[in-house]
Amino acid sequence: MKFKIIATVLLLASAGFVTPAEAQNRENISPIQPSAQTQPSSDRVLQACSRDAAENLPSPFIDVSPNDWAFKDVLSIYYCGAYRGSIPPDKARELQQQSSNQNRQV
């Protein structure tokens, strides 16, 4: 009985050394290169954030593709911050200006 257990452990351990696990295949991923030309205007960002549609904005990340499960959430945090839900664009613009004024005073 002990021999079978030891033989199984040795077989599995040696198989792990012969065929190690591979990382994600990066060949199929075509990264989106960020550029200054693709930066949306602040009005476009406010409109997208107010509709909870940040995934329609250009992605500034080369390692997050539109097929990734967290694509929408990553872009929402990047463009809109941690706020969740819809807010009228005028109110968002007002809050954004207040925030930038506070940052200038510091």
N, C-alpha and C. Protein backbone atom coordinates (compact mmCIF):
# COMPACT_ATOMS: atom_id res chain seq x y z
N MET A 1 0.83 -1.20 0.00
CA MET A 1 0.00 0.00 0.00
C MET A 1 0.86 1.25 0.00
N LYS A 2 1.89 1.29 0.88
CA LYS A 2 2.77 2.44 0.95
C LYS A 2 3.53 2.61 -0.35
N PHE A 3 3.89 1.51 -0.98
CA PHE A 3 4.63 1.57 -2.24
C PHE A 3 3.80 2.26 -3.34
N LYS A 4 2.50 1.96 -3.39
CA LYS A 4 1.62 2.58 -4.39
C LYS A 4 1.53 4.10 -4.17
N ILE A 5 1.44 4.51 -2.93
CA ILE A 5 1.34 5.94 -2.62
C ILE A 5 2.63 6.64 -2.99
N ILE A 6 3.76 6.04 -2.61
CA ILE A 6 5.06 6.65 -2.93
C ILE A 6 5.27 6.69 -4.44
N ALA A 7 4.92 5.63 -5.14
CA ALA A 7 5.07 5.60 -6.59
C ALA A 7 4.19 6.65 -7.26
N THR A 8 2.97 6.85 -6.77
CA THR A 8 2.07 7.84 -7.33
C THR A 8 2.61 9.26 -7.11
N VAL A 9 3.11 9.52 -5.91
CA VAL A 9 3.68 10.84 -5.60
C VAL A 9 4.89 11.11 -6.49
N LEU A 10 5.77 10.14 -6.64
CA LEU A 10 6.95 10.32 -7.49
C LEU A 10 6.56 10.52 -8.95
N LEU A 11 5.57 9.80 -9.41
CA LEU A 11 5.13 9.94 -10.79
C LEU A 11 4.54 11.34 -11.03
N LEU A 12 3.71 11.81 -10.13
CA LEU A 12 3.12 13.14 -10.29
C LEU A 12 4.17 14.24 -10.16
N ALA A 13 5.10 14.09 -9.25
CA ALA A 13 6.14 15.10 -9.08
C ALA A 13 7.04 15.16 -10.31
N SER A 14 7.42 14.02 -10.83
CA SER A 14 8.28 14.03 -12.01
C SER A 14 7.53 14.55 -13.24
N ALA A 15 6.24 14.30 -13.33
CA ALA A 15 5.46 14.83 -14.46
C ALA A 15 5.39 16.34 -14.39
N GLY A 16 5.37 16.90 -13.19
CA GLY A 16 5.36 18.35 -13.04
C GLY A 16 6.66 18.98 -13.48
N PHE A 17 7.77 18.29 -13.31
CA PHE A 17 9.07 18.82 -13.74
C PHE A 17 9.25 18.69 -15.25
N VAL A 18 8.70 17.65 -15.83
CA VAL A 18 8.86 17.41 -17.27
C VAL A 18 8.00 18.38 -18.07
N THR A 19 6.77 18.60 -17.66
CA THR A 19 5.87 19.51 -18.37
C THR A 19 5.38 20.59 -17.41
N PRO A 20 6.17 21.64 -17.21
CA PRO A 20 5.75 22.69 -16.28
C PRO A 20 4.56 23.47 -16.82
N ALA A 21 3.85 24.11 -15.92
CA ALA A 21 2.70 24.93 -16.31
C ALA A 21 3.19 26.12 -17.13
N GLU A 22 2.39 26.52 -18.09
CA GLU A 22 2.74 27.65 -18.94
C GLU A 22 1.88 28.85 -18.59
N ALA A 23 2.44 30.02 -18.80
CA ALA A 23 1.70 31.26 -18.57
C ALA A 23 0.68 31.46 -19.69
N GLN A 24 -0.12 32.48 -19.56
CA GLN A 24 -1.13 32.78 -20.56
C GLN A 24 -0.48 33.01 -21.91
N ASN A 25 -1.10 32.51 -22.94
CA ASN A 25 -0.59 32.71 -24.30
C ASN A 25 -0.83 34.16 -24.71
N ARG A 26 0.23 34.93 -24.85
CA ARG A 26 0.13 36.36 -25.15
C ARG A 26 0.10 36.62 -26.66
N GLU A 27 0.24 35.59 -27.49
CA GLU A 27 0.28 35.79 -28.93
C GLU A 27 -1.05 36.26 -29.50
N ASN A 28 -2.15 35.85 -28.89
CA ASN A 28 -3.47 36.18 -29.42
C ASN A 28 -3.98 37.54 -28.97
N ILE A 29 -3.26 38.19 -28.07
CA ILE A 29 -3.70 39.47 -27.54
C ILE A 29 -3.09 40.58 -28.37
N SER A 30 -3.95 41.43 -28.90
CA SER A 30 -3.45 42.58 -29.65
C SER A 30 -3.69 43.82 -28.79
N PRO A 31 -2.64 44.32 -28.14
CA PRO A 31 -2.82 45.46 -27.24
C PRO A 31 -3.22 46.72 -27.98
N ILE A 32 -3.94 47.54 -27.27
CA ILE A 32 -4.36 48.83 -27.80
C ILE A 32 -3.34 49.85 -27.32
N GLN A 33 -2.67 50.49 -28.23
CA GLN A 33 -1.64 51.46 -27.87
C GLN A 33 -2.29 52.80 -27.54
N PRO A 34 -2.06 53.31 -26.33
CA PRO A 34 -2.63 54.61 -25.99
C PRO A 34 -1.86 55.72 -26.70
N SER A 35 -2.56 56.77 -27.02
CA SER A 35 -1.90 57.91 -27.63
C SER A 35 -2.66 59.17 -27.25
N ALA A 36 -2.00 60.29 -27.43
CA ALA A 36 -2.63 61.56 -27.09
C ALA A 36 -3.82 61.84 -27.99
N GLN A 37 -3.81 61.28 -29.19
CA GLN A 37 -4.90 61.52 -30.13
C GLN A 37 -6.19 60.83 -29.71
N THR A 38 -6.08 59.75 -28.93
CA THR A 38 -7.28 59.01 -28.57
C THR A 38 -7.87 59.45 -27.24
N GLN A 39 -7.28 60.45 -26.60
CA GLN A 39 -7.81 60.92 -25.33
C GLN A 39 -9.13 61.66 -25.55
N PRO A 40 -10.19 61.22 -24.90
CA PRO A 40 -11.50 61.86 -25.10
C PRO A 40 -11.57 63.20 -24.37
N SER A 41 -12.47 64.03 -24.83
CA SER A 41 -12.68 65.32 -24.17
C SER A 41 -13.36 65.09 -22.82
N SER A 42 -13.27 66.09 -21.95
CA SER A 42 -13.88 65.94 -20.62
C SER A 42 -15.40 65.83 -20.73
N ASP A 43 -15.99 66.50 -21.72
CA ASP A 43 -17.45 66.38 -21.90
C ASP A 43 -17.84 64.96 -22.30
N ARG A 44 -17.03 64.36 -23.17
CA ARG A 44 -17.32 62.98 -23.59
C ARG A 44 -17.18 62.02 -22.41
N VAL A 45 -16.18 62.26 -21.56
CA VAL A 45 -16.00 61.42 -20.38
C VAL A 45 -17.17 61.58 -19.43
N LEU A 46 -17.60 62.81 -19.21
CA LEU A 46 -18.75 63.05 -18.33
C LEU A 46 -20.01 62.39 -18.86
N GLN A 47 -20.22 62.48 -20.15
CA GLN A 47 -21.40 61.84 -20.74
C GLN A 47 -21.35 60.32 -20.54
N ALA A 48 -20.18 59.73 -20.80
CA ALA A 48 -20.05 58.27 -20.65
C ALA A 48 -20.22 57.85 -19.20
N CYS A 49 -19.64 58.62 -18.27
CA CYS A 49 -19.76 58.26 -16.85
C CYS A 49 -21.19 58.43 -16.36
N SER A 50 -21.88 59.42 -16.86
CA SER A 50 -23.26 59.63 -16.42
C SER A 50 -24.19 58.52 -16.90
N ARG A 51 -23.84 57.87 -17.99
CA ARG A 51 -24.64 56.75 -18.52
C ARG A 51 -24.09 55.40 -18.12
N ASP A 52 -23.00 55.39 -17.29
CA ASP A 52 -22.33 54.15 -16.90
C ASP A 52 -21.88 53.38 -18.14
N ALA A 53 -21.27 54.10 -19.08
CA ALA A 53 -20.84 53.51 -20.35
C ALA A 53 -19.38 53.84 -20.64
N ALA A 54 -18.51 53.71 -19.63
CA ALA A 54 -17.09 54.04 -19.81
C ALA A 54 -16.40 53.08 -20.76
N GLU A 55 -16.97 51.91 -21.00
CA GLU A 55 -16.36 50.95 -21.93
C GLU A 55 -16.36 51.46 -23.37
N ASN A 56 -17.13 52.50 -23.64
CA ASN A 56 -17.17 53.07 -24.99
C ASN A 56 -16.04 54.09 -25.21
N LEU A 57 -15.32 54.43 -24.16
CA LEU A 57 -14.20 55.36 -24.27
C LEU A 57 -12.94 54.58 -24.65
N PRO A 58 -11.95 55.24 -25.23
CA PRO A 58 -10.73 54.53 -25.61
C PRO A 58 -9.97 54.03 -24.39
N SER A 59 -9.37 52.87 -24.51
CA SER A 59 -8.63 52.28 -23.41
C SER A 59 -7.20 52.81 -23.37
N PRO A 60 -6.75 53.33 -22.23
CA PRO A 60 -5.38 53.81 -22.11
C PRO A 60 -4.41 52.69 -21.72
N PHE A 61 -4.90 51.48 -21.57
CA PHE A 61 -4.09 50.37 -21.09
C PHE A 61 -3.77 49.41 -22.22
N ILE A 62 -2.50 48.99 -22.31
CA ILE A 62 -2.12 48.03 -23.35
C ILE A 62 -2.33 46.59 -22.90
N ASP A 63 -2.52 46.39 -21.60
CA ASP A 63 -2.66 45.02 -21.10
C ASP A 63 -4.09 44.64 -20.74
N VAL A 64 -5.05 45.48 -21.07
CA VAL A 64 -6.46 45.16 -20.82
C VAL A 64 -7.19 45.23 -22.16
N SER A 65 -7.59 44.08 -22.65
CA SER A 65 -8.27 44.05 -23.95
C SER A 65 -9.78 44.14 -23.75
N PRO A 66 -10.52 44.53 -24.77
CA PRO A 66 -11.98 44.60 -24.67
C PRO A 66 -12.64 43.25 -24.35
N ASN A 67 -11.92 42.16 -24.55
CA ASN A 67 -12.47 40.83 -24.25
C ASN A 67 -12.28 40.43 -22.80
N ASP A 68 -11.49 41.17 -22.04
CA ASP A 68 -11.26 40.84 -20.64
C ASP A 68 -12.53 41.02 -19.83
N TRP A 69 -12.70 40.18 -18.82
CA TRP A 69 -13.92 40.21 -18.01
C TRP A 69 -14.03 41.50 -17.19
N ALA A 70 -12.92 42.15 -16.89
CA ALA A 70 -12.96 43.35 -16.06
C ALA A 70 -12.80 44.64 -16.86
N PHE A 71 -12.90 44.56 -18.18
CA PHE A 71 -12.64 45.72 -19.04
C PHE A 71 -13.50 46.92 -18.67
N LYS A 72 -14.79 46.71 -18.54
CA LYS A 72 -15.70 47.82 -18.22
C LYS A 72 -15.38 48.42 -16.86
N ASP A 73 -15.11 47.58 -15.87
CA ASP A 73 -14.82 48.07 -14.53
C ASP A 73 -13.50 48.84 -14.48
N VAL A 74 -12.50 48.36 -15.20
CA VAL A 74 -11.20 49.05 -15.22
C VAL A 74 -11.36 50.43 -15.83
N LEU A 75 -12.06 50.53 -16.95
CA LEU A 75 -12.25 51.83 -17.58
C LEU A 75 -13.14 52.74 -16.74
N SER A 76 -14.12 52.16 -16.07
CA SER A 76 -14.99 52.97 -15.20
C SER A 76 -14.19 53.60 -14.07
N ILE A 77 -13.31 52.81 -13.44
CA ILE A 77 -12.48 53.35 -12.36
C ILE A 77 -11.51 54.39 -12.91
N TYR A 78 -10.92 54.13 -14.07
CA TYR A 78 -9.94 55.05 -14.64
C TYR A 78 -10.57 56.40 -14.98
N TYR A 79 -11.70 56.38 -15.67
CA TYR A 79 -12.32 57.61 -16.14
C TYR A 79 -13.25 58.25 -15.10
N CYS A 80 -14.01 57.45 -14.39
CA CYS A 80 -15.08 57.97 -13.54
C CYS A 80 -14.76 57.95 -12.05
N GLY A 81 -13.73 57.24 -11.66
CA GLY A 81 -13.42 57.11 -10.25
C GLY A 81 -14.24 55.99 -9.64
N ALA A 82 -14.28 55.97 -8.32
CA ALA A 82 -14.93 54.87 -7.61
C ALA A 82 -16.44 55.03 -7.54
N TYR A 83 -16.98 56.14 -8.01
CA TYR A 83 -18.42 56.36 -7.96
C TYR A 83 -19.14 55.35 -8.85
N ARG A 84 -20.21 54.75 -8.36
CA ARG A 84 -21.01 53.81 -9.14
C ARG A 84 -22.41 54.35 -9.27
N GLY A 85 -22.95 54.28 -10.45
CA GLY A 85 -24.31 54.75 -10.70
C GLY A 85 -24.30 55.89 -11.69
N SER A 86 -25.46 56.39 -11.99
CA SER A 86 -25.53 57.48 -12.96
C SER A 86 -25.69 58.80 -12.24
N ILE A 87 -25.15 59.83 -12.83
CA ILE A 87 -25.22 61.17 -12.29
C ILE A 87 -25.37 62.12 -13.47
N PRO A 88 -26.17 63.13 -13.37
CA PRO A 88 -26.32 64.06 -14.49
C PRO A 88 -24.98 64.72 -14.83
N PRO A 89 -24.69 64.89 -16.10
CA PRO A 89 -23.40 65.47 -16.50
C PRO A 89 -23.12 66.83 -15.87
N ASP A 90 -24.15 67.67 -15.69
CA ASP A 90 -23.93 68.98 -15.08
C ASP A 90 -23.45 68.85 -13.64
N LYS A 91 -24.04 67.93 -12.90
CA LYS A 91 -23.63 67.70 -11.52
C LYS A 91 -22.21 67.13 -11.47
N ALA A 92 -21.90 66.22 -12.37
CA ALA A 92 -20.56 65.64 -12.42
C ALA A 92 -19.52 66.71 -12.75
N ARG A 93 -19.84 67.60 -13.67
CA ARG A 93 -18.93 68.68 -14.05
C ARG A 93 -18.69 69.59 -12.84
N GLU A 94 -19.75 69.89 -12.10
CA GLU A 94 -19.63 70.73 -10.90
C GLU A 94 -18.73 70.06 -9.85
N LEU A 95 -18.92 68.77 -9.63
CA LEU A 95 -18.10 68.04 -8.66
C LEU A 95 -16.63 67.96 -9.12
N GLN A 96 -16.45 67.78 -10.43
CA GLN A 96 -15.10 67.72 -10.97
C GLN A 96 -14.38 69.05 -10.79
N GLN A 97 -15.06 70.15 -11.00
CA GLN A 97 -14.46 71.47 -10.83
C GLN A 97 -14.13 71.72 -9.36
N GLN A 98 -15.02 71.31 -8.46
CA GLN A 98 -14.75 71.47 -7.03
C GLN A 98 -13.50 70.68 -6.63
N SER A 99 -13.39 69.49 -7.15
CA SER A 99 -12.24 68.65 -6.83
C SER A 99 -10.95 69.25 -7.35
N SER A 100 -10.97 69.77 -8.57
CA SER A 100 -9.76 70.36 -9.12
C SER A 100 -9.39 71.64 -8.39
N ASN A 101 -10.37 72.40 -7.91
CA ASN A 101 -10.08 73.61 -7.13
C ASN A 101 -9.45 73.24 -5.80
N GLN A 102 -9.92 72.18 -5.17
CA GLN A 102 -9.34 71.74 -3.91
C GLN A 102 -7.90 71.26 -4.10
N ASN A 103 -7.64 70.59 -5.23
CA ASN A 103 -6.28 70.10 -5.51
C ASN A 103 -5.33 71.27 -5.73
N ARG A 104 -5.79 72.35 -6.32
CA ARG A 104 -4.93 73.51 -6.56
C ARG A 104 -4.58 74.23 -5.26
N GLN A 105 -5.50 74.20 -4.30
CA GLN A 105 -5.27 74.89 -3.04
C GLN A 105 -4.27 74.16 -2.17
N VAL A 106 -4.12 72.86 -2.37
CA VAL A 106 -3.21 72.07 -1.53
C VAL A 106 -1.81 72.23 -1.95
